[in-house]
Amino acid sequence: MTWSVPPAYQTHLDSESPTLGHLLKITRRDGQVFAFTSAGEDVTVSSVLYSAAQGLSISSIATSAGLGVDNLELSTIDDGTLFTRAEILGGVWQNAEFVLYRYNWANPSDGVEPLLAGTIGGVGLRQGAVVAELRGLQQYLQQGVGNVTTRTCRARFADYPTPNGKNLCRLVAASYISSGTVSAVTSRQVFEASALWTATPTEDYFGEGLLTWTSGANDGMSVRVYTYVSAGVITLAAPAVEDIQVGDTFDVIAGCRKRLTEDCKVKFNNVLNFQGEPHLPGIDRLTAMADVSV
C-alpha cells in the first residue's frame, strides 16, 4: 500500500505553526466502529464522524524501521458512556482493529496522514481514565511459527469462536452449540440452566466450553465453563462481570479438554483429526539408562 502526502497537508507541515491533531478509528470484533479526535471539536473525515467528547490523548509515537513492535497508549475520560467497566472486564475491546491518523485540525480538508495500524491489546481503568495499549501490525511477526509436540490436542475445537480457516479439528461448531436460559442463580459463577439441549447432555459435556451471554447485564460477553453437571448446573471459570439474573439467555459450545481418549475418541468420535502426540516417549524415557536385562 502506498500513500502520497496531499499537497495542502504538506504545505501546512512546512509552515511555522502547524495545528496538528490525531484521529483514531477503532473497529471492534462485533463490527461496531468508533472514531475519536484529539482536537476540541468533532470532525468528519471520509464520511466517518470523529468525536471529541472522549478527550482522546495519545502517548508519544515511536516507530521503527525494523521488525520491533510499535506500541503506544491512548487514554480517554472514564465517564462510563463508551468504555464501560463491564465491557472492559468482559474483553469486548480486546483485539479490536485500529487505524491512527494525523491531520490539520484547523483545516481537515487538507488531508490526513496515516501513522499506525494494528490491534488493541490490554485495556484498563486508571485514575478516572480508560487506558488502552495500541499494538502495531509487527505484533503478528512476533508470534511463533510451527508446532511443538504436545500430549494434548493443539487444534481449537471446531475452529470456534472466531473461524480462521484452519479448522484442524474438522468438526462444525454449529452442531455443538446450544442455547440456554438461566433458571436459578447461586452466584455470579454458579447457576442452573434450562432448555440446554434436545437430549440431556452428559456429565461435564460443556466443561471447558465457551459460554456467550445473549441477554441480560452481561450481554455479548464470553467466559469459559469450568464444570457442567448433567442436572443443569454450570460453574464458570471466572465470575461474570455483572449479576446473573433468572431469565438471562446464553449460547454455549460443547467443551473439549483436548484429551485423546476421553474427548476426541469417546466424546466426539474424531480421533483421526487429533492434533497431538500422546504416544511419543518423553524426555525421561529418552535419557533413561538402558535396560541391560532385555
C-alpha atoms as a PDB file:
ATOM      1  CA  MET A   1       0.000   0.000   0.000  1.00  0.00           C
ATOM      2  CA  THR A   2       1.422   3.394  -0.993  1.00  0.00           C
ATOM      3  CA  TRP A   3       0.459   6.831   0.262  1.00  0.00           C
ATOM      4  CA  SER A   4       1.390  10.241  -1.055  1.00  0.00           C
ATOM      5  CA  VAL A   5       1.285  13.413   1.036  1.00  0.00           C
ATOM      6  CA  PRO A   6      -1.598  15.691  -0.043  1.00  0.00           C
ATOM      7  CA  PRO A   7      -0.090  18.972  -1.268  1.00  0.00           C
ATOM      8  CA  ALA A   8      -2.206  21.117   1.075  1.00  0.00           C
ATOM      9  CA  TYR A   9      -1.229  18.966   4.062  1.00  0.00           C
ATOM     10  CA  GLN A  10       2.471  19.150   3.113  1.00  0.00           C
ATOM     11  CA  THR A  11       2.245  22.921   2.873  1.00  0.00           C
ATOM     12  CA  HIS A  12       0.762  23.014   6.349  1.00  0.00           C
ATOM     13  CA  LEU A  13       3.560  20.775   7.698  1.00  0.00           C
ATOM     14  CA  ASP A  14       6.113  23.138   6.250  1.00  0.00           C
ATOM     15  CA  SER A  15       4.535  26.140   7.937  1.00  0.00           C
ATOM     16  CA  GLU A  16       5.986  27.653  11.081  1.00  0.00           C
ATOM     17  CA  SER A  17       2.977  26.881  13.270  1.00  0.00           C
ATOM     18  CA  PRO A  18       1.244  23.633  12.230  1.00  0.00           C
ATOM     19  CA  THR A  19      -2.014  22.798  14.020  1.00  0.00           C
ATOM     20  CA  LEU A  20      -1.862  19.020  14.197  1.00  0.00           C
ATOM     21  CA  GLY A  21      -4.158  16.555  15.907  1.00  0.00           C
ATOM     22  CA  HIS A  22      -4.832  12.819  15.871  1.00  0.00           C
ATOM     23  CA  LEU A  23      -7.714  10.758  14.527  1.00  0.00           C
ATOM     24  CA  LEU A  24      -8.326   7.249  15.821  1.00  0.00           C
ATOM     25  CA  LYS A  25     -10.721   4.798  14.201  1.00  0.00           C
ATOM     26  CA  ILE A  26     -11.478   1.537  16.049  1.00  0.00           C
ATOM     27  CA  THR A  27     -13.385  -1.423  14.586  1.00  0.00           C
ATOM     28  CA  ARG A  28     -14.411  -3.943  17.236  1.00  0.00           C
ATOM     29  CA  ARG A  29     -14.746  -7.665  16.616  1.00  0.00           C
ATOM     30  CA  ASP A  30     -18.534  -7.311  16.705  1.00  0.00           C
ATOM     31  CA  GLY A  31     -18.333  -4.924  13.717  1.00  0.00           C
ATOM     32  CA  GLN A  32     -19.072  -1.698  15.611  1.00  0.00           C
ATOM     33  CA  VAL A  33     -16.955   1.297  14.572  1.00  0.00           C
ATOM     34  CA  PHE A  34     -15.834   4.069  16.952  1.00  0.00           C
ATOM     35  CA  ALA A  35     -13.876   7.176  15.975  1.00  0.00           C
ATOM     36  CA  PHE A  36     -12.197   9.864  18.092  1.00  0.00           C
ATOM     37  CA  THR A  37     -10.243  13.063  17.610  1.00  0.00           C
ATOM     38  CA  SER A  38      -7.748  14.696  19.962  1.00  0.00           C
ATOM     39  CA  ALA A  39      -8.962  18.143  18.843  1.00  0.00           C
ATOM     40  CA  GLY A  40     -11.589  20.175  20.646  1.00  0.00           C
ATOM     41  CA  GLU A  41     -14.360  19.761  18.063  1.00  0.00           C
ATOM     42  CA  ASP A  42     -15.929  16.843  16.210  1.00  0.00           C
ATOM     43  CA  VAL A  43     -14.766  16.356  12.640  1.00  0.00           C
ATOM     44  CA  THR A  44     -15.995  14.249   9.714  1.00  0.00           C
ATOM     45  CA  VAL A  45     -13.346  12.662   7.502  1.00  0.00           C
ATOM     46  CA  SER A  46     -14.197  10.250   4.655  1.00  0.00           C
ATOM     47  CA  SER A  47     -17.812  10.040   5.912  1.00  0.00           C
ATOM     48  CA  VAL A  48     -16.660   8.971   9.408  1.00  0.00           C
ATOM     49  CA  LEU A  49     -17.559  11.213  12.360  1.00  0.00           C
ATOM     50  CA  TYR A  50     -14.661  11.528  14.813  1.00  0.00           C
ATOM     51  CA  SER A  51     -15.896  12.551  18.256  1.00  0.00           C
ATOM     52  CA  ALA A  52     -14.074  14.969  20.556  1.00  0.00           C
ATOM     53  CA  ALA A  53     -16.263  14.143  23.561  1.00  0.00           C
ATOM     54  CA  GLN A  54     -13.980  11.425  24.948  1.00  0.00           C
ATOM     55  CA  GLY A  55     -10.921  13.669  25.303  1.00  0.00           C
ATOM     56  CA  LEU A  56      -8.575  11.440  23.313  1.00  0.00           C
ATOM     57  CA  SER A  57      -4.916  11.583  24.339  1.00  0.00           C
ATOM     58  CA  ILE A  58      -2.155   9.702  22.500  1.00  0.00           C
ATOM     59  CA  SER A  59       1.215   8.900  24.047  1.00  0.00           C
ATOM     60  CA  SER A  60       4.462   9.603  22.214  1.00  0.00           C
ATOM     61  CA  ILE A  61       4.587   7.589  18.996  1.00  0.00           C
ATOM     62  CA  ALA A  62       7.799   5.671  18.418  1.00  0.00           C
ATOM     63  CA  THR A  63       8.084   3.625  15.243  1.00  0.00           C
ATOM     64  CA  SER A  64      10.990   1.580  13.959  1.00  0.00           C
ATOM     65  CA  ALA A  65      12.267   0.573  10.561  1.00  0.00           C
ATOM     66  CA  GLY A  66      12.901  -2.986  11.762  1.00  0.00           C
ATOM     67  CA  LEU A  67      10.538  -5.692  12.983  1.00  0.00           C
ATOM     68  CA  GLY A  68      10.120  -4.330  16.504  1.00  0.00           C
ATOM     69  CA  VAL A  69       6.513  -3.808  17.579  1.00  0.00           C
ATOM     70  CA  ASP A  70       5.296  -0.188  17.503  1.00  0.00           C
ATOM     71  CA  ASN A  71       3.423   0.336  20.765  1.00  0.00           C
ATOM     72  CA  LEU A  72       1.681   3.358  22.234  1.00  0.00           C
ATOM     73  CA  GLU A  73      -1.151   4.130  24.612  1.00  0.00           C
ATOM     74  CA  LEU A  74      -4.371   6.041  24.267  1.00  0.00           C
ATOM     75  CA  SER A  75      -6.363   7.374  27.175  1.00  0.00           C
ATOM     76  CA  THR A  76      -9.882   8.761  27.323  1.00  0.00           C
ATOM     77  CA  ILE A  77     -12.164  10.069  30.047  1.00  0.00           C
ATOM     78  CA  ASP A  78     -13.809   7.312  32.079  1.00  0.00           C
ATOM     79  CA  ASP A  79     -17.340   8.697  32.078  1.00  0.00           C
ATOM     80  CA  GLY A  80     -18.987   5.293  31.583  1.00  0.00           C
ATOM     81  CA  THR A  81     -20.714   6.292  28.341  1.00  0.00           C
ATOM     82  CA  LEU A  82     -18.465   4.405  25.920  1.00  0.00           C
ATOM     83  CA  PHE A  83     -15.771   2.298  27.553  1.00  0.00           C
ATOM     84  CA  THR A  84     -17.986   0.764  30.200  1.00  0.00           C
ATOM     85  CA  ARG A  85     -16.449  -1.191  33.047  1.00  0.00           C
ATOM     86  CA  ALA A  86     -18.425  -4.286  32.103  1.00  0.00           C
ATOM     87  CA  GLU A  87     -17.201  -4.255  28.504  1.00  0.00           C
ATOM     88  CA  ILE A  88     -13.604  -3.626  29.532  1.00  0.00           C
ATOM     89  CA  LEU A  89     -13.578  -6.507  32.015  1.00  0.00           C
ATOM     90  CA  GLY A  90     -15.523  -8.656  29.549  1.00  0.00           C
ATOM     91  CA  GLY A  91     -12.858  -8.271  26.858  1.00  0.00           C
ATOM     92  CA  VAL A  92     -15.152  -6.695  24.266  1.00  0.00           C
ATOM     93  CA  TRP A  93     -12.426  -4.248  23.168  1.00  0.00           C
ATOM     94  CA  GLN A  94      -9.646  -6.828  23.117  1.00  0.00           C
ATOM     95  CA  ASN A  95      -8.041  -7.320  19.669  1.00  0.00           C
ATOM     96  CA  ALA A  96     -10.181  -4.615  18.057  1.00  0.00           C
ATOM     97  CA  GLU A  97      -8.552  -3.185  14.910  1.00  0.00           C
ATOM     98  CA  PHE A  98      -7.449   0.441  14.820  1.00  0.00           C
ATOM     99  CA  VAL A  99      -6.025   2.997  12.402  1.00  0.00           C
ATOM    100  CA  LEU A 100      -4.319   6.167  13.683  1.00  0.00           C
ATOM    101  CA  TYR A 101      -4.019   9.318  11.556  1.00  0.00           C
ATOM    102  CA  ARG A 102      -2.593  12.803  11.948  1.00  0.00           C
ATOM    103  CA  TYR A 103      -4.351  15.822  10.432  1.00  0.00           C
ATOM    104  CA  ASN A 104      -4.665  19.586  10.452  1.00  0.00           C
ATOM    105  CA  TRP A 105      -7.487  20.178  12.907  1.00  0.00           C
ATOM    106  CA  ALA A 106      -7.801  23.825  11.805  1.00  0.00           C
ATOM    107  CA  ASN A 107      -8.495  22.722   8.225  1.00  0.00           C
ATOM    108  CA  PRO A 108      -9.338  18.978   7.992  1.00  0.00           C
ATOM    109  CA  SER A 109      -9.833  19.237   4.226  1.00  0.00           C
ATOM    110  CA  ASP A 110      -6.027  19.393   3.849  1.00  0.00           C
ATOM    111  CA  GLY A 111      -5.978  15.587   4.109  1.00  0.00           C
ATOM    112  CA  VAL A 112      -4.789  13.036   6.641  1.00  0.00           C
ATOM    113  CA  GLU A 113      -1.503  11.258   7.306  1.00  0.00           C
ATOM    114  CA  PRO A 114      -1.713   7.558   8.309  1.00  0.00           C
ATOM    115  CA  LEU A 115       0.615   6.882  11.227  1.00  0.00           C
ATOM    116  CA  LEU A 116      -0.078   3.420  12.581  1.00  0.00           C
ATOM    117  CA  ALA A 117      -2.417   0.445  12.237  1.00  0.00           C
ATOM    118  CA  GLY A 118      -2.816  -2.645  14.360  1.00  0.00           C
ATOM    119  CA  THR A 119      -4.883  -4.091  17.174  1.00  0.00           C
ATOM    120  CA  ILE A 120      -5.780  -3.114  20.739  1.00  0.00           C
ATOM    121  CA  GLY A 121      -4.019  -5.087  23.451  1.00  0.00           C
ATOM    122  CA  GLY A 122      -4.760  -4.596  27.118  1.00  0.00           C
ATOM    123  CA  VAL A 123      -7.487  -2.167  28.210  1.00  0.00           C
ATOM    124  CA  GLY A 124      -7.757  -0.996  31.802  1.00  0.00           C
ATOM    125  CA  LEU A 125      -9.011   1.669  34.190  1.00  0.00           C
ATOM    126  CA  ARG A 126      -6.515   4.097  35.687  1.00  0.00           C
ATOM    127  CA  GLN A 127      -7.423   7.029  37.965  1.00  0.00           C
ATOM    128  CA  GLY A 128     -10.601   8.085  36.221  1.00  0.00           C
ATOM    129  CA  ALA A 129      -9.342   7.336  32.710  1.00  0.00           C
ATOM    130  CA  VAL A 130      -9.522   4.405  30.325  1.00  0.00           C
ATOM    131  CA  VAL A 131      -6.083   3.400  29.025  1.00  0.00           C
ATOM    132  CA  ALA A 132      -5.657   1.091  26.024  1.00  0.00           C
ATOM    133  CA  GLU A 133      -2.489  -0.360  24.517  1.00  0.00           C
ATOM    134  CA  LEU A 134      -2.214   0.029  20.743  1.00  0.00           C
ATOM    135  CA  ARG A 135      -0.028  -2.610  19.093  1.00  0.00           C
ATOM    136  CA  GLY A 136       1.383  -2.218  15.597  1.00  0.00           C
ATOM    137  CA  LEU A 137       0.970  -4.861  12.887  1.00  0.00           C
ATOM    138  CA  GLN A 138       4.503  -6.112  13.597  1.00  0.00           C
ATOM    139  CA  GLN A 139       2.966  -7.842  16.608  1.00  0.00           C
ATOM    140  CA  TYR A 140       1.922 -10.670  14.298  1.00  0.00           C
ATOM    141  CA  LEU A 141       5.568 -11.214  13.318  1.00  0.00           C
ATOM    142  CA  GLN A 142       6.462 -11.864  16.965  1.00  0.00           C
ATOM    143  CA  GLN A 143       4.288 -14.966  17.093  1.00  0.00           C
ATOM    144  CA  GLY A 144       5.903 -18.370  16.837  1.00  0.00           C
ATOM    145  CA  VAL A 145       5.708 -20.267  13.572  1.00  0.00           C
ATOM    146  CA  GLY A 146       5.397 -24.035  13.545  1.00  0.00           C
ATOM    147  CA  ASN A 147       4.204 -26.606  16.055  1.00  0.00           C
ATOM    148  CA  VAL A 148       5.692 -28.082  19.202  1.00  0.00           C
ATOM    149  CA  THR A 149       4.838 -31.675  20.068  1.00  0.00           C
ATOM    150  CA  THR A 150       2.270 -31.980  22.848  1.00  0.00           C
ATOM    151  CA  ARG A 151       0.417 -34.795  24.564  1.00  0.00           C
ATOM    152  CA  THR A 152      -2.862 -32.906  24.255  1.00  0.00           C
ATOM    153  CA  CYS A 153      -4.510 -31.641  21.057  1.00  0.00           C
ATOM    154  CA  ARG A 154      -3.258 -28.344  19.601  1.00  0.00           C
ATOM    155  CA  ALA A 155      -6.361 -27.699  17.469  1.00  0.00           C
ATOM    156  CA  ARG A 156      -9.017 -25.210  18.521  1.00  0.00           C
ATOM    157  CA  PHE A 157     -12.267 -27.091  18.976  1.00  0.00           C
ATOM    158  CA  ALA A 158     -14.396 -26.693  15.829  1.00  0.00           C
ATOM    159  CA  ASP A 159     -12.422 -23.518  14.964  1.00  0.00           C
ATOM    160  CA  TYR A 160     -14.595 -21.611  17.454  1.00  0.00           C
ATOM    161  CA  PRO A 161     -15.338 -18.799  18.333  1.00  0.00           C
ATOM    162  CA  THR A 162     -13.600 -16.872  15.509  1.00  0.00           C
ATOM    163  CA  PRO A 163     -13.019 -19.120  12.463  1.00  0.00           C
ATOM    164  CA  ASN A 164      -9.625 -18.559  10.869  1.00  0.00           C
ATOM    165  CA  GLY A 165      -9.875 -21.031   8.003  1.00  0.00           C
ATOM    166  CA  LYS A 166      -7.542 -23.522   9.696  1.00  0.00           C
ATOM    167  CA  ASN A 167     -10.069 -25.888  11.207  1.00  0.00           C
ATOM    168  CA  LEU A 168      -7.724 -28.760  12.025  1.00  0.00           C
ATOM    169  CA  CYS A 169     -10.419 -30.208  14.270  1.00  0.00           C
ATOM    170  CA  ARG A 170     -12.721 -30.622  11.232  1.00  0.00           C
ATOM    171  CA  LEU A 171     -15.867 -30.536  13.397  1.00  0.00           C
ATOM    172  CA  VAL A 172     -18.587 -27.958  12.656  1.00  0.00           C
ATOM    173  CA  ALA A 173     -19.218 -25.606  15.583  1.00  0.00           C
ATOM    174  CA  ALA A 174     -22.929 -25.132  14.818  1.00  0.00           C
ATOM    175  CA  SER A 175     -23.520 -28.823  15.573  1.00  0.00           C
ATOM    176  CA  TYR A 176     -22.276 -28.398  19.140  1.00  0.00           C
ATOM    177  CA  ILE A 177     -23.702 -25.025  20.182  1.00  0.00           C
ATOM    178  CA  SER A 178     -26.722 -24.984  22.464  1.00  0.00           C
ATOM    179  CA  SER A 179     -28.860 -22.122  23.757  1.00  0.00           C
ATOM    180  CA  GLY A 180     -29.965 -21.971  27.373  1.00  0.00           C
ATOM    181  CA  THR A 181     -31.900 -19.869  29.872  1.00  0.00           C
ATOM    182  CA  VAL A 182     -30.894 -19.247  33.477  1.00  0.00           C
ATOM    183  CA  SER A 183     -33.434 -20.856  35.794  1.00  0.00           C
ATOM    184  CA  ALA A 184     -31.740 -20.374  39.185  1.00  0.00           C
ATOM    185  CA  VAL A 185     -28.736 -18.370  40.385  1.00  0.00           C
ATOM    186  CA  THR A 186     -26.315 -19.252  43.181  1.00  0.00           C
ATOM    187  CA  SER A 187     -23.673 -16.600  42.452  1.00  0.00           C
ATOM    188  CA  ARG A 188     -22.003 -14.792  39.555  1.00  0.00           C
ATOM    189  CA  GLN A 189     -20.102 -18.003  38.930  1.00  0.00           C
ATOM    190  CA  VAL A 190     -22.646 -20.755  39.576  1.00  0.00           C
ATOM    191  CA  PHE A 191     -26.164 -21.046  38.162  1.00  0.00           C
ATOM    192  CA  GLU A 192     -28.681 -23.518  36.784  1.00  0.00           C
ATOM    193  CA  ALA A 193     -29.948 -23.541  33.210  1.00  0.00           C
ATOM    194  CA  SER A 194     -32.895 -24.963  31.336  1.00  0.00           C
ATOM    195  CA  ALA A 195     -33.584 -25.821  27.679  1.00  0.00           C
ATOM    196  CA  LEU A 196     -29.941 -26.630  27.023  1.00  0.00           C
ATOM    197  CA  TRP A 197     -30.282 -29.474  24.539  1.00  0.00           C
ATOM    198  CA  THR A 198     -32.829 -31.600  22.751  1.00  0.00           C
ATOM    199  CA  ALA A 199     -31.386 -34.521  24.679  1.00  0.00           C
ATOM    200  CA  THR A 200     -29.899 -34.237  28.175  1.00  0.00           C
ATOM    201  CA  PRO A 201     -26.143 -33.553  27.897  1.00  0.00           C
ATOM    202  CA  THR A 202     -23.822 -35.982  29.629  1.00  0.00           C
ATOM    203  CA  GLU A 203     -21.827 -35.070  32.721  1.00  0.00           C
ATOM    204  CA  ASP A 204     -19.284 -32.301  32.051  1.00  0.00           C
ATOM    205  CA  TYR A 205     -20.438 -32.025  28.413  1.00  0.00           C
ATOM    206  CA  PHE A 206     -19.901 -28.253  28.419  1.00  0.00           C
ATOM    207  CA  GLY A 207     -16.846 -28.302  30.687  1.00  0.00           C
ATOM    208  CA  GLU A 208     -14.081 -26.124  29.129  1.00  0.00           C
ATOM    209  CA  GLY A 209     -16.589 -24.856  26.554  1.00  0.00           C
ATOM    210  CA  LEU A 210     -17.154 -21.166  25.826  1.00  0.00           C
ATOM    211  CA  LEU A 211     -20.357 -19.525  27.072  1.00  0.00           C
ATOM    212  CA  THR A 212     -21.543 -16.263  25.492  1.00  0.00           C
ATOM    213  CA  TRP A 213     -24.362 -14.255  27.051  1.00  0.00           C
ATOM    214  CA  THR A 214     -27.100 -13.194  24.627  1.00  0.00           C
ATOM    215  CA  SER A 215     -29.211 -11.106  27.005  1.00  0.00           C
ATOM    216  CA  GLY A 216     -29.092  -9.546  30.444  1.00  0.00           C
ATOM    217  CA  ALA A 217     -26.448  -7.347  32.048  1.00  0.00           C
ATOM    218  CA  ASN A 218     -23.624  -9.487  30.604  1.00  0.00           C
ATOM    219  CA  ASP A 219     -24.966  -9.462  27.044  1.00  0.00           C
ATOM    220  CA  GLY A 220     -22.192 -10.041  24.479  1.00  0.00           C
ATOM    221  CA  MET A 221     -19.551 -11.179  26.989  1.00  0.00           C
ATOM    222  CA  SER A 222     -17.931 -14.599  26.891  1.00  0.00           C
ATOM    223  CA  VAL A 223     -16.430 -16.786  29.609  1.00  0.00           C
ATOM    224  CA  ARG A 224     -15.133 -20.343  29.857  1.00  0.00           C
ATOM    225  CA  VAL A 225     -17.207 -23.036  31.567  1.00  0.00           C
ATOM    226  CA  TYR A 226     -15.318 -24.690  34.409  1.00  0.00           C
ATOM    227  CA  THR A 227     -17.670 -27.592  35.003  1.00  0.00           C
ATOM    228  CA  TYR A 228     -21.126 -28.736  33.936  1.00  0.00           C
ATOM    229  CA  VAL A 229     -23.353 -31.095  35.900  1.00  0.00           C
ATOM    230  CA  SER A 230     -25.929 -33.012  33.889  1.00  0.00           C
ATOM    231  CA  ALA A 231     -28.675 -31.714  36.172  1.00  0.00           C
ATOM    232  CA  GLY A 232     -28.115 -28.325  34.554  1.00  0.00           C
ATOM    233  CA  VAL A 233     -25.675 -26.672  36.969  1.00  0.00           C
ATOM    234  CA  ILE A 234     -22.979 -24.600  35.271  1.00  0.00           C
ATOM    235  CA  THR A 235     -19.875 -23.309  37.049  1.00  0.00           C
ATOM    236  CA  LEU A 236     -17.935 -20.626  35.193  1.00  0.00           C
ATOM    237  CA  ALA A 237     -14.133 -20.424  35.180  1.00  0.00           C
ATOM    238  CA  ALA A 238     -14.391 -16.801  36.355  1.00  0.00           C
ATOM    239  CA  PRO A 239     -17.273 -14.819  37.855  1.00  0.00           C
ATOM    240  CA  ALA A 240     -19.485 -12.895  35.440  1.00  0.00           C
ATOM    241  CA  VAL A 241     -18.775  -9.169  35.301  1.00  0.00           C
ATOM    242  CA  GLU A 242     -22.357  -8.263  36.218  1.00  0.00           C
ATOM    243  CA  ASP A 243     -25.014 -10.084  38.230  1.00  0.00           C
ATOM    244  CA  ILE A 244     -26.658 -13.070  36.553  1.00  0.00           C
ATOM    245  CA  GLN A 245     -30.460 -12.972  36.641  1.00  0.00           C
ATOM    246  CA  VAL A 246     -33.104 -15.642  36.148  1.00  0.00           C
ATOM    247  CA  GLY A 247     -34.240 -15.407  32.526  1.00  0.00           C
ATOM    248  CA  ASP A 248     -30.842 -14.402  31.131  1.00  0.00           C
ATOM    249  CA  THR A 249     -30.063 -16.315  27.944  1.00  0.00           C
ATOM    250  CA  PHE A 250     -26.792 -17.592  26.533  1.00  0.00           C
ATOM    251  CA  ASP A 251     -25.157 -19.775  23.892  1.00  0.00           C
ATOM    252  CA  VAL A 252     -22.621 -22.392  24.938  1.00  0.00           C
ATOM    253  CA  ILE A 253     -20.492 -24.761  22.885  1.00  0.00           C
ATOM    254  CA  ALA A 254     -19.509 -28.251  23.959  1.00  0.00           C
ATOM    255  CA  GLY A 255     -16.234 -28.326  25.844  1.00  0.00           C
ATOM    256  CA  CYS A 256     -13.104 -30.159  24.771  1.00  0.00           C
ATOM    257  CA  ARG A 257     -10.304 -30.794  27.254  1.00  0.00           C
ATOM    258  CA  LYS A 258      -8.085 -31.888  24.337  1.00  0.00           C
ATOM    259  CA  ARG A 259      -7.505 -35.460  25.541  1.00  0.00           C
ATOM    260  CA  LEU A 260      -7.138 -38.261  23.007  1.00  0.00           C
ATOM    261  CA  THR A 261      -9.332 -40.946  24.577  1.00  0.00           C
ATOM    262  CA  GLU A 262     -11.843 -39.131  26.781  1.00  0.00           C
ATOM    263  CA  ASP A 263     -12.601 -36.284  24.370  1.00  0.00           C
ATOM    264  CA  CYS A 264     -11.515 -36.914  20.783  1.00  0.00           C
ATOM    265  CA  LYS A 265     -12.391 -40.614  20.721  1.00  0.00           C
ATOM    266  CA  VAL A 266     -15.210 -41.177  23.206  1.00  0.00           C
ATOM    267  CA  LYS A 267     -16.932 -37.779  23.311  1.00  0.00           C
ATOM    268  CA  PHE A 268     -16.652 -36.607  19.689  1.00  0.00           C
ATOM    269  CA  ASN A 269     -15.629 -39.706  17.678  1.00  0.00           C
ATOM    270  CA  ASN A 270     -12.995 -37.557  15.970  1.00  0.00           C
ATOM    271  CA  VAL A 271      -9.770 -39.356  16.825  1.00  0.00           C
ATOM    272  CA  LEU A 272      -8.431 -39.275  13.248  1.00  0.00           C
ATOM    273  CA  ASN A 273      -8.177 -35.475  13.493  1.00  0.00           C
ATOM    274  CA  PHE A 274      -6.419 -35.418  16.860  1.00  0.00           C
ATOM    275  CA  GLN A 275      -3.582 -32.879  16.705  1.00  0.00           C
ATOM    276  CA  GLY A 276      -1.274 -34.182  19.408  1.00  0.00           C
ATOM    277  CA  GLU A 277       1.389 -36.805  20.087  1.00  0.00           C
ATOM    278  CA  PRO A 278       0.398 -38.603  23.311  1.00  0.00           C
ATOM    279  CA  HIS A 279       2.439 -41.713  22.484  1.00  0.00           C
ATOM    280  CA  LEU A 280       5.808 -40.060  21.932  1.00  0.00           C
ATOM    281  CA  PRO A 281       8.365 -41.027  24.606  1.00  0.00           C
ATOM    282  CA  GLY A 282       9.098 -38.189  26.995  1.00  0.00           C
ATOM    283  CA  ILE A 283      12.481 -36.773  27.971  1.00  0.00           C
ATOM    284  CA  ASP A 284      12.710 -39.153  30.951  1.00  0.00           C
ATOM    285  CA  ARG A 285      12.303 -42.128  28.652  1.00  0.00           C
ATOM    286  CA  LEU A 286      14.827 -40.816  26.137  1.00  0.00           C
ATOM    287  CA  THR A 287      17.510 -40.102  28.749  1.00  0.00           C
ATOM    288  CA  ALA A 288      16.967 -43.180  30.904  1.00  0.00           C
ATOM    289  CA  MET A 289      19.689 -45.800  31.351  1.00  0.00           C
ATOM    290  CA  ALA A 290      19.475 -48.744  29.009  1.00  0.00           C
ATOM    291  CA  ASP A 291      17.806 -51.860  30.416  1.00  0.00           C
ATOM    292  CA  VAL A 292      20.565 -54.456  30.060  1.00  0.00           C
ATOM    293  CA  SER A 293      18.310 -57.244  31.271  1.00  0.00           C
ATOM    294  CA  VAL A 294      16.383 -57.296  27.997  1.00  0.00           C
END
